[in-house]
Amino acid sequence: MSTATDPQPQTPQPPQQPPQQPQVAVDPLVTLCLVLIVVLVLGGAGYVCVVHPALTAPIAAVAGVAAALAAAFAVVIAIRRR
C-alpha cells in the first residue's frame, strides 16, 4: 500500500476573509484643540464685528474665503483617507 495515493482526511478550514484596512481613529485631543480654536476665532471675529461695525464686511469676506478653503481641504483629506 502506498501512502502517496491514500486519501488524507481533510480538516475544514474557515472561510477566507479579505484583509480589512485598519480604521483610522481621530485623536480626541486633536479634535478638542480644533474645536477650541474654531470657537475662539469665531468668538473673536464676532466681538470685533460688534465693537467695530466698519470691519464687518472685510471680516465676512475673509470668512467666506476661509470657508471655501476649509471645504476644499476637507474634500482632499476625505479622498486621501479612502
C-alpha atoms as a PDB file:
ATOM      1  CA  MET A   1       0.000   0.000   0.000  1.00  0.00           C
ATOM      2  CA  SER A   2       1.287   3.404  -0.970  1.00  0.00           C
ATOM      3  CA  THR A   3       0.682   6.324   1.339  1.00  0.00           C
ATOM      4  CA  ALA A   4       1.001   8.809  -1.533  1.00  0.00           C
ATOM      5  CA  THR A   5      -2.296   7.705  -3.078  1.00  0.00           C
ATOM      6  CA  ASP A   6      -4.241   7.181   0.140  1.00  0.00           C
ATOM      7  CA  PRO A   7      -6.818   9.912   0.717  1.00  0.00           C
ATOM      8  CA  GLN A   8      -5.869  12.118   3.625  1.00  0.00           C
ATOM      9  CA  PRO A   9      -8.568  13.303   5.994  1.00  0.00           C
ATOM     10  CA  GLN A  10      -9.358  16.931   5.255  1.00  0.00           C
ATOM     11  CA  THR A  11      -9.904  19.321   8.098  1.00  0.00           C
ATOM     12  CA  PRO A  12     -12.464  22.024   7.402  1.00  0.00           C
ATOM     13  CA  GLN A  13     -10.837  25.387   7.005  1.00  0.00           C
ATOM     14  CA  PRO A  14     -12.529  28.632   7.995  1.00  0.00           C
ATOM     15  CA  PRO A  15     -13.693  30.801   5.095  1.00  0.00           C
ATOM     16  CA  GLN A  16     -11.084  33.257   3.933  1.00  0.00           C
ATOM     17  CA  GLN A  17     -11.942  36.886   4.619  1.00  0.00           C
ATOM     18  CA  PRO A  18     -10.361  39.716   2.700  1.00  0.00           C
ATOM     19  CA  PRO A  19      -7.881  41.709   4.786  1.00  0.00           C
ATOM     20  CA  GLN A  20      -9.504  44.748   6.320  1.00  0.00           C
ATOM     21  CA  GLN A  21      -7.846  48.103   6.307  1.00  0.00           C
ATOM     22  CA  PRO A  22      -7.054  49.447   9.755  1.00  0.00           C
ATOM     23  CA  GLN A  23      -9.530  52.020  10.968  1.00  0.00           C
ATOM     24  CA  VAL A  24      -8.009  55.459  11.352  1.00  0.00           C
ATOM     25  CA  ALA A  25      -9.217  56.878  14.628  1.00  0.00           C
ATOM     26  CA  VAL A  26      -9.331  60.585  15.269  1.00  0.00           C
ATOM     27  CA  ASP A  27      -7.419  61.568  18.363  1.00  0.00           C
ATOM     28  CA  PRO A  28      -9.831  63.160  20.873  1.00  0.00           C
ATOM     29  CA  LEU A  29      -7.198  65.679  21.992  1.00  0.00           C
ATOM     30  CA  VAL A  30      -6.706  66.906  18.418  1.00  0.00           C
ATOM     31  CA  THR A  31     -10.470  67.213  17.997  1.00  0.00           C
ATOM     32  CA  LEU A  32     -10.785  69.158  21.249  1.00  0.00           C
ATOM     33  CA  CYS A  33      -7.990  71.539  20.232  1.00  0.00           C
ATOM     34  CA  LEU A  34      -9.547  72.081  16.818  1.00  0.00           C
ATOM     35  CA  VAL A  35     -12.955  72.837  18.319  1.00  0.00           C
ATOM     36  CA  LEU A  36     -11.449  75.260  20.854  1.00  0.00           C
ATOM     37  CA  ILE A  37      -9.506  77.101  18.155  1.00  0.00           C
ATOM     38  CA  VAL A  38     -12.567  77.412  15.922  1.00  0.00           C
ATOM     39  CA  VAL A  39     -14.714  78.685  18.811  1.00  0.00           C
ATOM     40  CA  LEU A  40     -12.077  81.222  19.869  1.00  0.00           C
ATOM     41  CA  VAL A  41     -11.533  82.503  16.319  1.00  0.00           C
ATOM     42  CA  LEU A  42     -15.262  82.816  15.632  1.00  0.00           C
ATOM     43  CA  GLY A  43     -15.832  84.453  19.003  1.00  0.00           C
ATOM     44  CA  GLY A  44     -13.020  86.914  18.389  1.00  0.00           C
ATOM     45  CA  ALA A  45     -14.314  87.741  14.923  1.00  0.00           C
ATOM     46  CA  GLY A  46     -17.814  88.235  16.314  1.00  0.00           C
ATOM     47  CA  TYR A  47     -16.515  90.528  19.038  1.00  0.00           C
ATOM     48  CA  VAL A  48     -14.560  92.631  16.549  1.00  0.00           C
ATOM     49  CA  CYS A  49     -17.633  92.889  14.303  1.00  0.00           C
ATOM     50  CA  VAL A  50     -19.755  94.121  17.234  1.00  0.00           C
ATOM     51  CA  VAL A  51     -17.186  96.601  18.537  1.00  0.00           C
ATOM     52  CA  HIS A  52     -16.074  97.865  15.104  1.00  0.00           C
ATOM     53  CA  PRO A  53     -19.013  97.656  12.662  1.00  0.00           C
ATOM     54  CA  ALA A  54     -16.883  99.040   9.829  1.00  0.00           C
ATOM     55  CA  LEU A  55     -14.836  95.814   9.848  1.00  0.00           C
ATOM     56  CA  THR A  56     -17.855  93.558   9.316  1.00  0.00           C
ATOM     57  CA  ALA A  57     -17.585  93.482   5.507  1.00  0.00           C
ATOM     58  CA  PRO A  58     -13.850  92.666   5.359  1.00  0.00           C
ATOM     59  CA  ILE A  59     -14.182  90.007   8.071  1.00  0.00           C
ATOM     60  CA  ALA A  60     -17.146  88.463   6.223  1.00  0.00           C
ATOM     61  CA  ALA A  61     -15.082  88.371   3.003  1.00  0.00           C
ATOM     62  CA  VAL A  62     -12.172  86.670   4.751  1.00  0.00           C
ATOM     63  CA  ALA A  63     -14.572  84.223   6.436  1.00  0.00           C
ATOM     64  CA  GLY A  64     -16.090  83.332   3.053  1.00  0.00           C
ATOM     65  CA  VAL A  65     -12.689  82.570   1.555  1.00  0.00           C
ATOM     66  CA  ALA A  66     -11.687  80.615   4.666  1.00  0.00           C
ATOM     67  CA  ALA A  67     -14.875  78.541   4.467  1.00  0.00           C
ATOM     68  CA  ALA A  68     -14.183  77.677   0.825  1.00  0.00           C
ATOM     69  CA  LEU A  69     -10.593  76.687   1.631  1.00  0.00           C
ATOM     70  CA  ALA A  70     -11.722  74.587   4.598  1.00  0.00           C
ATOM     71  CA  ALA A  71     -14.225  72.760   2.391  1.00  0.00           C
ATOM     72  CA  ALA A  72     -11.556  72.098  -0.243  1.00  0.00           C
ATOM     73  CA  PHE A  73      -9.133  70.741   2.367  1.00  0.00           C
ATOM     74  CA  ALA A  74     -11.883  68.555   3.834  1.00  0.00           C
ATOM     75  CA  VAL A  75     -12.575  67.038   0.416  1.00  0.00           C
ATOM     76  CA  VAL A  76      -8.873  66.393  -0.229  1.00  0.00           C
ATOM     77  CA  ILE A  77      -8.401  64.753   3.172  1.00  0.00           C
ATOM     78  CA  ALA A  78     -11.533  62.628   2.731  1.00  0.00           C
ATOM     79  CA  ILE A  79     -10.356  61.416  -0.686  1.00  0.00           C
ATOM     80  CA  ARG A  80      -6.851  60.568   0.582  1.00  0.00           C
ATOM     81  CA  ARG A  81      -8.215  58.510   3.512  1.00  0.00           C
ATOM     82  CA  ARG A  82     -10.227  56.191   1.249  1.00  0.00           C
END
